[in-house]
């Protein structure tokens, strides 16, 4: 790992996400894009780091912002709980639309874009699709509602997209003359696992229902088992999903068995479909573990399991 020395301290007097982006940019002499959460104000702090690792550690300590292995240099950053944005189920995916979010007015010149922001300086990436540069760009549907703040009011479109790609974890590319922000399955996988790890730690701290813990562990195992390509297939369209075969004697197999055991202990009702109600224990005991079993990752950020019913090898069950 290359250790980078920082010549300037980062002094932040408090303020909005965009104020923080501007402060980081001033300290490190580079434009900054921050993928923001729902915080409207950030307290003041001062960082006098001696190297890259300390900078990242202190920035997270004071602001909660991650600038980890997905980031180059000191510019782009994001709150870990907002690494994953979701267009379909905003209430359950870590996506909260800030009240002060407003689309920018974009003025295009030959060399750069000029942004005229609303009061917050935050905007959804999708708003660029209906701006004057809309015909020159393409954004993966999953990130159209990602909200970012940028430090500058003037920047080249390609430079902007490269910074946004780092902050949001997308893959920057050019296709058919367009600048593209596409889903990077390996980065999305890494960020999702980090997010689930945080949820598991929180669930353990509050002594959550064992079923919830087993479900989170199964979700984590599913993302860990999936390849970057499989993740990209799962989120190709809002209706997409991918099936990952679960092999015996693997980590995801162990998490599946634990999830089924926890499911069987629940006493309330669970729905097999709209017409048939089964108890959780009945559902768990219906799965034929001698047949193929799959983890299912869907574009709505739901992770479930699919298996065949005992004695009915042509009939499947998913929950």
C-alpha atoms as a PDB file:
ATOM      1  CA  UNK A   1       0.000   0.000   0.000  1.00  0.00           C
ATOM      2  CA  UNK A   2       1.317   3.426  -0.956  1.00  0.00           C
ATOM      3  CA  UNK A   3       1.309   5.913   1.902  1.00  0.00           C
ATOM      4  CA  UNK A   4       0.540   9.450   0.832  1.00  0.00           C
ATOM      5  CA  UNK A   5       1.565  12.442   2.893  1.00  0.00           C
ATOM      6  CA  UNK A   6      -0.882  15.301   3.317  1.00  0.00           C
ATOM      7  CA  UNK A   7       0.591  18.753   3.455  1.00  0.00           C
ATOM      8  CA  UNK A   8      -2.494  20.591   4.654  1.00  0.00           C
ATOM      9  CA  UNK A   9      -4.694  19.982   7.660  1.00  0.00           C
ATOM     10  CA  UNK A  10      -8.433  19.682   7.139  1.00  0.00           C
ATOM     11  CA  UNK A  11     -10.299  22.325   9.111  1.00  0.00           C
ATOM     12  CA  UNK A  12     -14.084  22.184   8.984  1.00  0.00           C
ATOM     13  CA  UNK A  13     -16.138  24.801  10.786  1.00  0.00           C
ATOM     14  CA  UNK A  14     -19.370  22.859  10.521  1.00  0.00           C
ATOM     15  CA  UNK A  15     -22.106  22.949   7.947  1.00  0.00           C
ATOM     16  CA  UNK A  16     -23.705  20.981   5.139  1.00  0.00           C
ATOM     17  CA  UNK A  17     -22.450  18.060   3.105  1.00  0.00           C
ATOM     18  CA  UNK A  18     -21.421  20.422   0.338  1.00  0.00           C
ATOM     19  CA  UNK A  19     -19.580  22.620   2.842  1.00  0.00           C
ATOM     20  CA  UNK A  20     -17.609  19.536   3.853  1.00  0.00           C
ATOM     21  CA  UNK A  21     -16.903  18.645   0.217  1.00  0.00           C
ATOM     22  CA  UNK A  22     -15.562  22.174  -0.339  1.00  0.00           C
ATOM     23  CA  UNK A  23     -13.393  21.958   2.800  1.00  0.00           C
ATOM     24  CA  UNK A  24     -11.851  18.635   1.712  1.00  0.00           C
ATOM     25  CA  UNK A  25     -11.272  20.059  -1.751  1.00  0.00           C
ATOM     26  CA  UNK A  26      -9.543  23.143  -0.340  1.00  0.00           C
ATOM     27  CA  UNK A  27      -7.274  21.046   1.892  1.00  0.00           C
ATOM     28  CA  UNK A  28      -6.268  18.598  -0.814  1.00  0.00           C
ATOM     29  CA  UNK A  29      -6.358  20.843  -3.896  1.00  0.00           C
ATOM     30  CA  UNK A  30      -8.724  18.590  -5.833  1.00  0.00           C
ATOM     31  CA  UNK A  31     -12.445  18.654  -6.674  1.00  0.00           C
ATOM     32  CA  UNK A  32     -14.498  16.459  -4.366  1.00  0.00           C
ATOM     33  CA  UNK A  33     -17.718  14.532  -4.798  1.00  0.00           C
ATOM     34  CA  UNK A  34     -19.435  13.266  -1.643  1.00  0.00           C
ATOM     35  CA  UNK A  35     -22.219  10.691  -1.790  1.00  0.00           C
ATOM     36  CA  UNK A  36     -24.372  11.865   1.034  1.00  0.00           C
ATOM     37  CA  UNK A  37     -26.774  10.425   3.545  1.00  0.00           C
ATOM     38  CA  UNK A  38     -29.616  12.221   5.311  1.00  0.00           C
ATOM     39  CA  UNK A  39     -27.474  14.486   7.467  1.00  0.00           C
ATOM     40  CA  UNK A  40     -28.226  18.147   6.957  1.00  0.00           C
ATOM     41  CA  UNK A  41     -25.511  19.450   9.310  1.00  0.00           C
ATOM     42  CA  UNK A  42     -22.086  18.110  10.257  1.00  0.00           C
ATOM     43  CA  UNK A  43     -20.288  19.364  13.403  1.00  0.00           C
ATOM     44  CA  UNK A  44     -16.965  21.173  13.220  1.00  0.00           C
ATOM     45  CA  UNK A  45     -13.672  19.310  13.473  1.00  0.00           C
ATOM     46  CA  UNK A  46      -9.985  19.564  12.587  1.00  0.00           C
ATOM     47  CA  UNK A  47      -7.751  16.844  11.143  1.00  0.00           C
ATOM     48  CA  UNK A  48      -3.964  17.044  11.018  1.00  0.00           C
ATOM     49  CA  UNK A  49      -3.055  13.681   9.517  1.00  0.00           C
ATOM     50  CA  UNK A  50       0.418  12.439   8.726  1.00  0.00           C
ATOM     51  CA  UNK A  51      -0.537   9.737   6.253  1.00  0.00           C
ATOM     52  CA  UNK A  52      -3.336   8.252   4.198  1.00  0.00           C
ATOM     53  CA  UNK A  53      -4.473   5.706   6.803  1.00  0.00           C
ATOM     54  CA  UNK A  54      -4.742   8.266   9.589  1.00  0.00           C
ATOM     55  CA  UNK A  55      -6.618  10.661   7.318  1.00  0.00           C
ATOM     56  CA  UNK A  56      -9.229   8.049   6.496  1.00  0.00           C
ATOM     57  CA  UNK A  57      -9.517   6.967  10.118  1.00  0.00           C
ATOM     58  CA  UNK A  58     -10.006  10.503  11.443  1.00  0.00           C
ATOM     59  CA  UNK A  59     -12.435  11.502   8.704  1.00  0.00           C
ATOM     60  CA  UNK A  60     -14.622   8.506   9.557  1.00  0.00           C
ATOM     61  CA  UNK A  61     -14.285   9.257  13.278  1.00  0.00           C
ATOM     62  CA  UNK A  62     -15.487  12.849  12.919  1.00  0.00           C
ATOM     63  CA  UNK A  63     -18.037  12.505  10.103  1.00  0.00           C
ATOM     64  CA  UNK A  64     -18.856   8.825   9.623  1.00  0.00           C
ATOM     65  CA  UNK A  65     -17.634   9.147   6.029  1.00  0.00           C
ATOM     66  CA  UNK A  66     -15.867   6.203   4.440  1.00  0.00           C
ATOM     67  CA  UNK A  67     -12.928   6.788   2.101  1.00  0.00           C
ATOM     68  CA  UNK A  68     -11.677   3.238   2.011  1.00  0.00           C
ATOM     69  CA  UNK A  69     -10.360   0.828  -0.568  1.00  0.00           C
ATOM     70  CA  UNK A  70     -12.854   1.883  -3.250  1.00  0.00           C
ATOM     71  CA  UNK A  71     -11.461   5.402  -3.303  1.00  0.00           C
ATOM     72  CA  UNK A  72      -8.416   6.964  -4.946  1.00  0.00           C
ATOM     73  CA  UNK A  73      -6.782   9.874  -3.142  1.00  0.00           C
ATOM     74  CA  UNK A  74      -8.729  11.988  -0.696  1.00  0.00           C
ATOM     75  CA  UNK A  75     -11.596  13.234  -2.805  1.00  0.00           C
ATOM     76  CA  UNK A  76     -14.695  11.084  -3.229  1.00  0.00           C
ATOM     77  CA  UNK A  77     -16.366   9.813  -0.083  1.00  0.00           C
ATOM     78  CA  UNK A  78     -19.630   8.296   1.116  1.00  0.00           C
ATOM     79  CA  UNK A  79     -21.402   7.297   4.289  1.00  0.00           C
ATOM     80  CA  UNK A  80     -21.261   3.484   4.409  1.00  0.00           C
ATOM     81  CA  UNK A  81     -24.978   3.104   5.077  1.00  0.00           C
ATOM     82  CA  UNK A  82     -25.658   4.984   1.860  1.00  0.00           C
ATOM     83  CA  UNK A  83     -23.272   3.059  -0.352  1.00  0.00           C
ATOM     84  CA  UNK A  84     -26.304   1.122  -1.512  1.00  0.00           C
ATOM     85  CA  UNK A  85     -29.074   3.184  -3.044  1.00  0.00           C
ATOM     86  CA  UNK A  86     -32.251   1.623  -4.282  1.00  0.00           C
ATOM     87  CA  UNK A  87     -34.936   2.934  -6.593  1.00  0.00           C
ATOM     88  CA  UNK A  88     -37.614   0.399  -5.726  1.00  0.00           C
ATOM     89  CA  UNK A  89     -37.798   0.096  -1.945  1.00  0.00           C
ATOM     90  CA  UNK A  90     -36.454   3.382  -0.580  1.00  0.00           C
ATOM     91  CA  UNK A  91     -37.700   2.824   2.949  1.00  0.00           C
ATOM     92  CA  UNK A  92     -35.869  -0.478   3.306  1.00  0.00           C
ATOM     93  CA  UNK A  93     -32.650   0.048   1.399  1.00  0.00           C
ATOM     94  CA  UNK A  94     -30.812   2.748   3.302  1.00  0.00           C
ATOM     95  CA  UNK A  95     -31.975   5.459   0.910  1.00  0.00           C
ATOM     96  CA  UNK A  96     -33.493   8.587   2.438  1.00  0.00           C
ATOM     97  CA  UNK A  97     -34.189  11.573   0.235  1.00  0.00           C
ATOM     98  CA  UNK A  98     -32.987  14.693   2.044  1.00  0.00           C
ATOM     99  CA  UNK A  99     -35.550  17.414   2.453  1.00  0.00           C
ATOM    100  CA  UNK A 100     -33.084  19.955   1.123  1.00  0.00           C
ATOM    101  CA  UNK A 101     -32.269  18.031  -2.060  1.00  0.00           C
ATOM    102  CA  UNK A 102     -32.765  20.062  -5.245  1.00  0.00           C
ATOM    103  CA  UNK A 103     -31.701  19.549  -8.874  1.00  0.00           C
ATOM    104  CA  UNK A 104     -28.969  21.850 -10.141  1.00  0.00           C
ATOM    105  CA  UNK A 105     -29.240  24.159 -13.115  1.00  0.00           C
ATOM    106  CA  UNK A 106     -26.489  23.069 -15.498  1.00  0.00           C
ATOM    107  CA  UNK A 107     -24.902  25.544 -17.910  1.00  0.00           C
ATOM    108  CA  UNK A 108     -22.707  23.953 -20.573  1.00  0.00           C
ATOM    109  CA  UNK A 109     -19.641  25.568 -22.108  1.00  0.00           C
ATOM    110  CA  UNK A 110     -17.077  24.029 -24.469  1.00  0.00           C
ATOM    111  CA  UNK A 111     -14.768  22.859 -21.709  1.00  0.00           C
ATOM    112  CA  UNK A 112     -16.851  22.473 -18.593  1.00  0.00           C
ATOM    113  CA  UNK A 113     -20.179  22.480 -16.818  1.00  0.00           C
ATOM    114  CA  UNK A 114     -21.294  25.234 -14.498  1.00  0.00           C
ATOM    115  CA  UNK A 115     -23.669  24.230 -11.720  1.00  0.00           C
ATOM    116  CA  UNK A 116     -26.136  26.549 -10.083  1.00  0.00           C
ATOM    117  CA  UNK A 117     -27.296  24.767  -6.973  1.00  0.00           C
ATOM    118  CA  UNK A 118     -30.286  25.039  -4.722  1.00  0.00           C
ATOM    119  CA  UNK A 119     -29.749  25.865  -1.030  1.00  0.00           C
ATOM    120  CA  UNK A 120     -28.226  22.466  -0.201  1.00  0.00           C
ATOM    121  CA  UNK A 121     -25.913  21.831  -3.116  1.00  0.00           C
ATOM    122  CA  UNK A 122     -27.151  18.216  -3.192  1.00  0.00           C
ATOM    123  CA  UNK A 123     -28.674  16.600  -6.240  1.00  0.00           C
ATOM    124  CA  UNK A 124     -29.815  13.237  -7.536  1.00  0.00           C
ATOM    125  CA  UNK A 125     -27.646  11.806 -10.285  1.00  0.00           C
ATOM    126  CA  UNK A 126     -30.772  11.186 -12.326  1.00  0.00           C
ATOM    127  CA  UNK A 127     -31.367  14.921 -12.576  1.00  0.00           C
ATOM    128  CA  UNK A 128     -28.367  15.103 -14.930  1.00  0.00           C
ATOM    129  CA  UNK A 129     -30.284  12.908 -17.376  1.00  0.00           C
ATOM    130  CA  UNK A 130     -32.794  15.720 -17.956  1.00  0.00           C
ATOM    131  CA  UNK A 131     -30.137  18.443 -18.026  1.00  0.00           C
ATOM    132  CA  UNK A 132     -28.428  19.829 -21.156  1.00  0.00           C
ATOM    133  CA  UNK A 133     -25.875  16.979 -20.938  1.00  0.00           C
ATOM    134  CA  UNK A 134     -28.560  14.293 -20.732  1.00  0.00           C
ATOM    135  CA  UNK A 135     -27.940  13.019 -24.262  1.00  0.00           C
ATOM    136  CA  UNK A 136     -24.221  12.640 -23.554  1.00  0.00           C
ATOM    137  CA  UNK A 137     -24.453  10.441 -20.468  1.00  0.00           C
ATOM    138  CA  UNK A 138     -25.845   7.119 -19.273  1.00  0.00           C
ATOM    139  CA  UNK A 139     -26.412   6.143 -15.616  1.00  0.00           C
ATOM    140  CA  UNK A 140     -27.243   2.669 -14.324  1.00  0.00           C
ATOM    141  CA  UNK A 141     -30.834   2.682 -13.071  1.00  0.00           C
ATOM    142  CA  UNK A 142     -29.785   1.644  -9.549  1.00  0.00           C
ATOM    143  CA  UNK A 143     -27.849   4.884  -9.076  1.00  0.00           C
ATOM    144  CA  UNK A 144     -30.226   7.388 -10.617  1.00  0.00           C
ATOM    145  CA  UNK A 145     -31.412   8.343  -7.137  1.00  0.00           C
ATOM    146  CA  UNK A 146     -27.987   8.409  -5.535  1.00  0.00           C
ATOM    147  CA  UNK A 147     -27.531  11.874  -4.024  1.00  0.00           C
ATOM    148  CA  UNK A 148     -24.193  13.625  -4.235  1.00  0.00           C
ATOM    149  CA  UNK A 149     -22.705  16.982  -3.330  1.00  0.00           C
ATOM    150  CA  UNK A 150     -19.757  18.434  -5.234  1.00  0.00           C
ATOM    151  CA  UNK A 151     -17.205  20.949  -4.059  1.00  0.00           C
ATOM    152  CA  UNK A 152     -16.990  23.070  -7.187  1.00  0.00           C
ATOM    153  CA  UNK A 153     -19.419  24.986  -9.379  1.00  0.00           C
ATOM    154  CA  UNK A 154     -17.379  24.386 -12.524  1.00  0.00           C
ATOM    155  CA  UNK A 155     -15.923  21.095 -13.707  1.00  0.00           C
ATOM    156  CA  UNK A 156     -15.455  19.112 -16.907  1.00  0.00           C
ATOM    157  CA  UNK A 157     -18.099  16.459 -17.524  1.00  0.00           C
ATOM    158  CA  UNK A 158     -15.586  13.608 -17.758  1.00  0.00           C
ATOM    159  CA  UNK A 159     -13.808  14.712 -14.567  1.00  0.00           C
ATOM    160  CA  UNK A 160     -17.168  14.982 -12.806  1.00  0.00           C
ATOM    161  CA  UNK A 161     -18.187  11.488 -13.858  1.00  0.00           C
ATOM    162  CA  UNK A 162     -14.868   9.979 -12.755  1.00  0.00           C
ATOM    163  CA  UNK A 163     -15.298  11.521  -9.286  1.00  0.00           C
ATOM    164  CA  UNK A 164     -18.941  10.451  -9.070  1.00  0.00           C
ATOM    165  CA  UNK A 165     -17.921   6.913 -10.055  1.00  0.00           C
ATOM    166  CA  UNK A 166     -15.500   6.725  -7.127  1.00  0.00           C
ATOM    167  CA  UNK A 167     -17.981   8.149  -4.626  1.00  0.00           C
ATOM    168  CA  UNK A 168     -20.871   5.944  -5.705  1.00  0.00           C
ATOM    169  CA  UNK A 169     -18.854   2.818  -6.461  1.00  0.00           C
ATOM    170  CA  UNK A 170     -19.878   2.748 -10.102  1.00  0.00           C
ATOM    171  CA  UNK A 171     -17.722   1.886 -13.115  1.00  0.00           C
ATOM    172  CA  UNK A 172     -16.803   4.802 -15.372  1.00  0.00           C
ATOM    173  CA  UNK A 173     -16.726   4.018 -19.075  1.00  0.00           C
ATOM    174  CA  UNK A 174     -17.380   5.497 -22.513  1.00  0.00           C
ATOM    175  CA  UNK A 175     -19.793   3.751 -24.853  1.00  0.00           C
ATOM    176  CA  UNK A 176     -21.022   4.959 -28.233  1.00  0.00           C
ATOM    177  CA  UNK A 177     -19.786   8.456 -27.523  1.00  0.00           C
ATOM    178  CA  UNK A 178     -21.519   8.630 -24.124  1.00  0.00           C
ATOM    179  CA  UNK A 179     -20.028   8.852 -20.647  1.00  0.00           C
ATOM    180  CA  UNK A 180     -21.353   5.907 -18.660  1.00  0.00           C
ATOM    181  CA  UNK A 181     -21.738   5.188 -14.951  1.00  0.00           C
ATOM    182  CA  UNK A 182     -22.374   1.453 -14.758  1.00  0.00           C
ATOM    183  CA  UNK A 183     -22.758  -0.991 -11.886  1.00  0.00           C
ATOM    184  CA  UNK A 184     -19.457  -2.496 -10.742  1.00  0.00           C
ATOM    185  CA  UNK A 185     -20.490  -5.835  -9.270  1.00  0.00           C
ATOM    186  CA  UNK A 186     -17.311  -6.398  -7.277  1.00  0.00           C
ATOM    187  CA  UNK A 187     -17.486  -2.959  -5.602  1.00  0.00           C
ATOM    188  CA  UNK A 188     -21.234  -3.240  -4.968  1.00  0.00           C
ATOM    189  CA  UNK A 189     -20.651  -6.661  -3.410  1.00  0.00           C
ATOM    190  CA  UNK A 190     -17.917  -5.319  -1.132  1.00  0.00           C
ATOM    191  CA  UNK A 191     -19.994  -2.342  -0.030  1.00  0.00           C
ATOM    192  CA  UNK A 192     -23.110  -4.443   0.518  1.00  0.00           C
ATOM    193  CA  UNK A 193     -21.177  -6.898   2.701  1.00  0.00           C
ATOM    194  CA  UNK A 194     -19.816  -3.978   4.743  1.00  0.00           C
ATOM    195  CA  UNK A 195     -23.338  -2.633   5.148  1.00  0.00           C
ATOM    196  CA  UNK A 196     -24.711  -6.021   6.238  1.00  0.00           C
ATOM    197  CA  UNK A 197     -21.825  -6.398   8.692  1.00  0.00           C
ATOM    198  CA  UNK A 198     -22.889  -3.095  10.272  1.00  0.00           C
ATOM    199  CA  UNK A 199     -26.481  -4.359  10.474  1.00  0.00           C
ATOM    200  CA  UNK A 200     -25.335  -7.605  12.099  1.00  0.00           C
ATOM    201  CA  UNK A 201     -23.296  -5.701  14.690  1.00  0.00           C
ATOM    202  CA  UNK A 202     -26.296  -3.486  15.453  1.00  0.00           C
ATOM    203  CA  UNK A 203     -28.636  -6.492  15.729  1.00  0.00           C
ATOM    204  CA  UNK A 204     -26.286  -8.244  18.161  1.00  0.00           C
ATOM    205  CA  UNK A 205     -25.954  -5.125  20.272  1.00  0.00           C
ATOM    206  CA  UNK A 206     -29.707  -4.870  20.760  1.00  0.00           C
ATOM    207  CA  UNK A 207     -30.146  -8.647  21.217  1.00  0.00           C
ATOM    208  CA  UNK A 208     -32.360  -8.945  18.162  1.00  0.00           C
ATOM    209  CA  UNK A 209     -34.561 -11.890  17.225  1.00  0.00           C
ATOM    210  CA  UNK A 210     -32.307 -14.898  16.367  1.00  0.00           C
ATOM    211  CA  UNK A 211     -34.205 -15.235  13.100  1.00  0.00           C
ATOM    212  CA  UNK A 212     -33.200 -11.702  12.090  1.00  0.00           C
ATOM    213  CA  UNK A 213     -29.566 -12.507  12.795  1.00  0.00           C
ATOM    214  CA  UNK A 214     -29.753 -15.756  10.831  1.00  0.00           C
ATOM    215  CA  UNK A 215     -31.394 -13.910   7.940  1.00  0.00           C
ATOM    216  CA  UNK A 216     -28.683 -11.218   7.918  1.00  0.00           C
ATOM    217  CA  UNK A 217     -25.964 -13.880   8.054  1.00  0.00           C
ATOM    218  CA  UNK A 218     -27.592 -15.654   5.112  1.00  0.00           C
ATOM    219  CA  UNK A 219     -27.744 -12.383   3.156  1.00  0.00           C
ATOM    220  CA  UNK A 220     -24.074 -11.776   3.859  1.00  0.00           C
ATOM    221  CA  UNK A 221     -23.137 -15.292   2.810  1.00  0.00           C
ATOM    222  CA  UNK A 222     -25.139 -14.926  -0.407  1.00  0.00           C
ATOM    223  CA  UNK A 223     -23.300 -11.748  -1.413  1.00  0.00           C
ATOM    224  CA  UNK A 224     -19.968 -13.276  -0.402  1.00  0.00           C
ATOM    225  CA  UNK A 225     -20.656 -16.331  -2.574  1.00  0.00           C
ATOM    226  CA  UNK A 226     -21.811 -14.307  -5.582  1.00  0.00           C
ATOM    227  CA  UNK A 227     -19.341 -13.221  -8.238  1.00  0.00           C
ATOM    228  CA  UNK A 228     -19.192  -9.640  -9.466  1.00  0.00           C
ATOM    229  CA  UNK A 229     -20.805 -10.778 -12.718  1.00  0.00           C
ATOM    230  CA  UNK A 230     -23.680 -12.455 -10.851  1.00  0.00           C
ATOM    231  CA  UNK A 231     -24.254  -9.242  -8.880  1.00  0.00           C
ATOM    232  CA  UNK A 232     -24.418  -7.287 -12.117  1.00  0.00           C
ATOM    233  CA  UNK A 233     -26.920  -9.795 -13.511  1.00  0.00           C
ATOM    234  CA  UNK A 234     -29.060  -9.483 -10.369  1.00  0.00           C
ATOM    235  CA  UNK A 235     -29.312  -5.700 -10.798  1.00  0.00           C
ATOM    236  CA  UNK A 236     -29.407  -5.521 -14.608  1.00  0.00           C
ATOM    237  CA  UNK A 237     -33.031  -4.313 -14.519  1.00  0.00           C
ATOM    238  CA  UNK A 238     -35.451  -3.445 -11.688  1.00  0.00           C
ATOM    239  CA  UNK A 239     -37.101  -6.861 -12.205  1.00  0.00           C
ATOM    240  CA  UNK A 240     -33.863  -8.873 -12.399  1.00  0.00           C
ATOM    241  CA  UNK A 241     -32.731 -11.641 -10.071  1.00  0.00           C
ATOM    242  CA  UNK A 242     -29.972 -14.208 -10.027  1.00  0.00           C
ATOM    243  CA  UNK A 243     -29.793 -17.718  -8.579  1.00  0.00           C
ATOM    244  CA  UNK A 244     -26.651 -18.901  -6.796  1.00  0.00           C
ATOM    245  CA  UNK A 245     -26.418 -22.639  -6.270  1.00  0.00           C
ATOM    246  CA  UNK A 246     -25.630 -23.519  -2.664  1.00  0.00           C
ATOM    247  CA  UNK A 247     -23.132 -26.336  -2.344  1.00  0.00           C
ATOM    248  CA  UNK A 248     -22.985 -28.502   0.798  1.00  0.00           C
ATOM    249  CA  UNK A 249     -20.161 -27.950   3.289  1.00  0.00           C
ATOM    250  CA  UNK A 250     -19.663 -24.312   2.342  1.00  0.00           C
ATOM    251  CA  UNK A 251     -20.111 -21.125   4.374  1.00  0.00           C
ATOM    252  CA  UNK A 252     -23.385 -20.261   2.650  1.00  0.00           C
ATOM    253  CA  UNK A 253     -24.651 -23.818   3.223  1.00  0.00           C
ATOM    254  CA  UNK A 254     -24.009 -23.440   6.953  1.00  0.00           C
ATOM    255  CA  UNK A 255     -25.833 -20.099   7.005  1.00  0.00           C
ATOM    256  CA  UNK A 256     -28.750 -21.677   5.122  1.00  0.00           C
ATOM    257  CA  UNK A 257     -29.062 -24.496   7.680  1.00  0.00           C
ATOM    258  CA  UNK A 258     -28.937 -21.950  10.520  1.00  0.00           C
ATOM    259  CA  UNK A 259     -31.603 -19.820   8.789  1.00  0.00           C
ATOM    260  CA  UNK A 260     -33.902 -22.818   8.303  1.00  0.00           C
ATOM    261  CA  UNK A 261     -33.434 -23.823  11.955  1.00  0.00           C
ATOM    262  CA  UNK A 262     -34.257 -20.302  13.143  1.00  0.00           C
ATOM    263  CA  UNK A 263     -37.211 -20.177  10.756  1.00  0.00           C
ATOM    264  CA  UNK A 264     -38.572 -23.445  12.141  1.00  0.00           C
ATOM    265  CA  UNK A 265     -38.550 -22.031  15.687  1.00  0.00           C
ATOM    266  CA  UNK A 266     -40.765 -19.072  14.832  1.00  0.00           C
ATOM    267  CA  UNK A 267     -44.316 -19.526  15.984  1.00  0.00           C
ATOM    268  CA  UNK A 268     -46.187 -17.017  13.865  1.00  0.00           C
ATOM    269  CA  UNK A 269     -47.576 -17.522  10.366  1.00  0.00           C
ATOM    270  CA  UNK A 270     -45.724 -17.240   7.087  1.00  0.00           C
ATOM    271  CA  UNK A 271     -47.220 -17.055   3.621  1.00  0.00           C
ATOM    272  CA  UNK A 272     -46.265 -19.676   1.039  1.00  0.00           C
ATOM    273  CA  UNK A 273     -48.413 -17.823  -1.481  1.00  0.00           C
ATOM    274  CA  UNK A 274     -51.550 -15.712  -1.382  1.00  0.00           C
ATOM    275  CA  UNK A 275     -53.821 -18.733  -1.070  1.00  0.00           C
ATOM    276  CA  UNK A 276     -51.907 -21.055   1.245  1.00  0.00           C
ATOM    277  CA  UNK A 277     -50.714 -20.173   4.742  1.00  0.00           C
ATOM    278  CA  UNK A 278     -48.090 -22.297   6.408  1.00  0.00           C
ATOM    279  CA  UNK A 279     -46.287 -21.916   9.704  1.00  0.00           C
ATOM    280  CA  UNK A 280     -42.610 -21.015   9.591  1.00  0.00           C
ATOM    281  CA  UNK A 281     -41.693 -24.470  10.860  1.00  0.00           C
ATOM    282  CA  UNK A 282     -43.756 -26.146   8.136  1.00  0.00           C
ATOM    283  CA  UNK A 283     -42.086 -24.038   5.456  1.00  0.00           C
ATOM    284  CA  UNK A 284     -38.622 -24.818   6.771  1.00  0.00           C
ATOM    285  CA  UNK A 285     -39.354 -28.536   6.931  1.00  0.00           C
ATOM    286  CA  UNK A 286     -40.741 -28.598   3.375  1.00  0.00           C
ATOM    287  CA  UNK A 287     -37.330 -27.911   1.814  1.00  0.00           C
ATOM    288  CA  UNK A 288     -35.620 -30.948   0.288  1.00  0.00           C
ATOM    289  CA  UNK A 289     -31.964 -30.454   1.154  1.00  0.00           C
ATOM    290  CA  UNK A 290     -31.037 -33.527  -0.895  1.00  0.00           C
ATOM    291  CA  UNK A 291     -32.046 -31.624  -4.009  1.00  0.00           C
ATOM    292  CA  UNK A 292     -30.580 -28.390  -5.414  1.00  0.00           C
ATOM    293  CA  UNK A 293     -30.972 -25.290  -3.235  1.00  0.00           C
ATOM    294  CA  UNK A 294     -30.290 -21.701  -4.302  1.00  0.00           C
ATOM    295  CA  UNK A 295     -29.759 -18.262  -2.817  1.00  0.00           C
ATOM    296  CA  UNK A 296     -31.744 -15.690  -4.769  1.00  0.00           C
ATOM    297  CA  UNK A 297     -30.532 -12.088  -5.011  1.00  0.00           C
ATOM    298  CA  UNK A 298     -33.070  -9.750  -6.558  1.00  0.00           C
ATOM    299  CA  UNK A 299     -32.793  -6.167  -7.746  1.00  0.00           C
ATOM    300  CA  UNK A 300     -35.053  -5.048  -4.912  1.00  0.00           C
ATOM    301  CA  UNK A 301     -32.221  -5.943  -2.498  1.00  0.00           C
ATOM    302  CA  UNK A 302     -34.169  -8.955  -1.238  1.00  0.00           C
ATOM    303  CA  UNK A 303     -32.160 -12.109  -0.585  1.00  0.00           C
ATOM    304  CA  UNK A 304     -34.211 -15.297  -0.341  1.00  0.00           C
ATOM    305  CA  UNK A 305     -33.707 -19.023  -0.743  1.00  0.00           C
ATOM    306  CA  UNK A 306     -35.240 -21.332  -3.322  1.00  0.00           C
ATOM    307  CA  UNK A 307     -35.521 -25.077  -2.890  1.00  0.00           C
ATOM    308  CA  UNK A 308     -37.643 -28.001  -4.004  1.00  0.00           C
ATOM    309  CA  UNK A 309     -40.417 -29.487  -1.890  1.00  0.00           C
ATOM    310  CA  UNK A 310     -39.843 -32.907  -0.334  1.00  0.00           C
ATOM    311  CA  UNK A 311     -41.639 -35.571  -2.349  1.00  0.00           C
ATOM    312  CA  UNK A 312     -42.452 -33.061  -5.110  1.00  0.00           C
ATOM    313  CA  UNK A 313     -39.242 -32.658  -7.132  1.00  0.00           C
ATOM    314  CA  UNK A 314     -40.968 -30.513  -9.757  1.00  0.00           C
ATOM    315  CA  UNK A 315     -42.405 -28.042  -7.233  1.00  0.00           C
ATOM    316  CA  UNK A 316     -40.312 -25.263  -5.716  1.00  0.00           C
ATOM    317  CA  UNK A 317     -40.622 -22.983  -2.712  1.00  0.00           C
ATOM    318  CA  UNK A 318     -38.990 -19.618  -2.092  1.00  0.00           C
ATOM    319  CA  UNK A 319     -38.848 -17.629   1.137  1.00  0.00           C
END
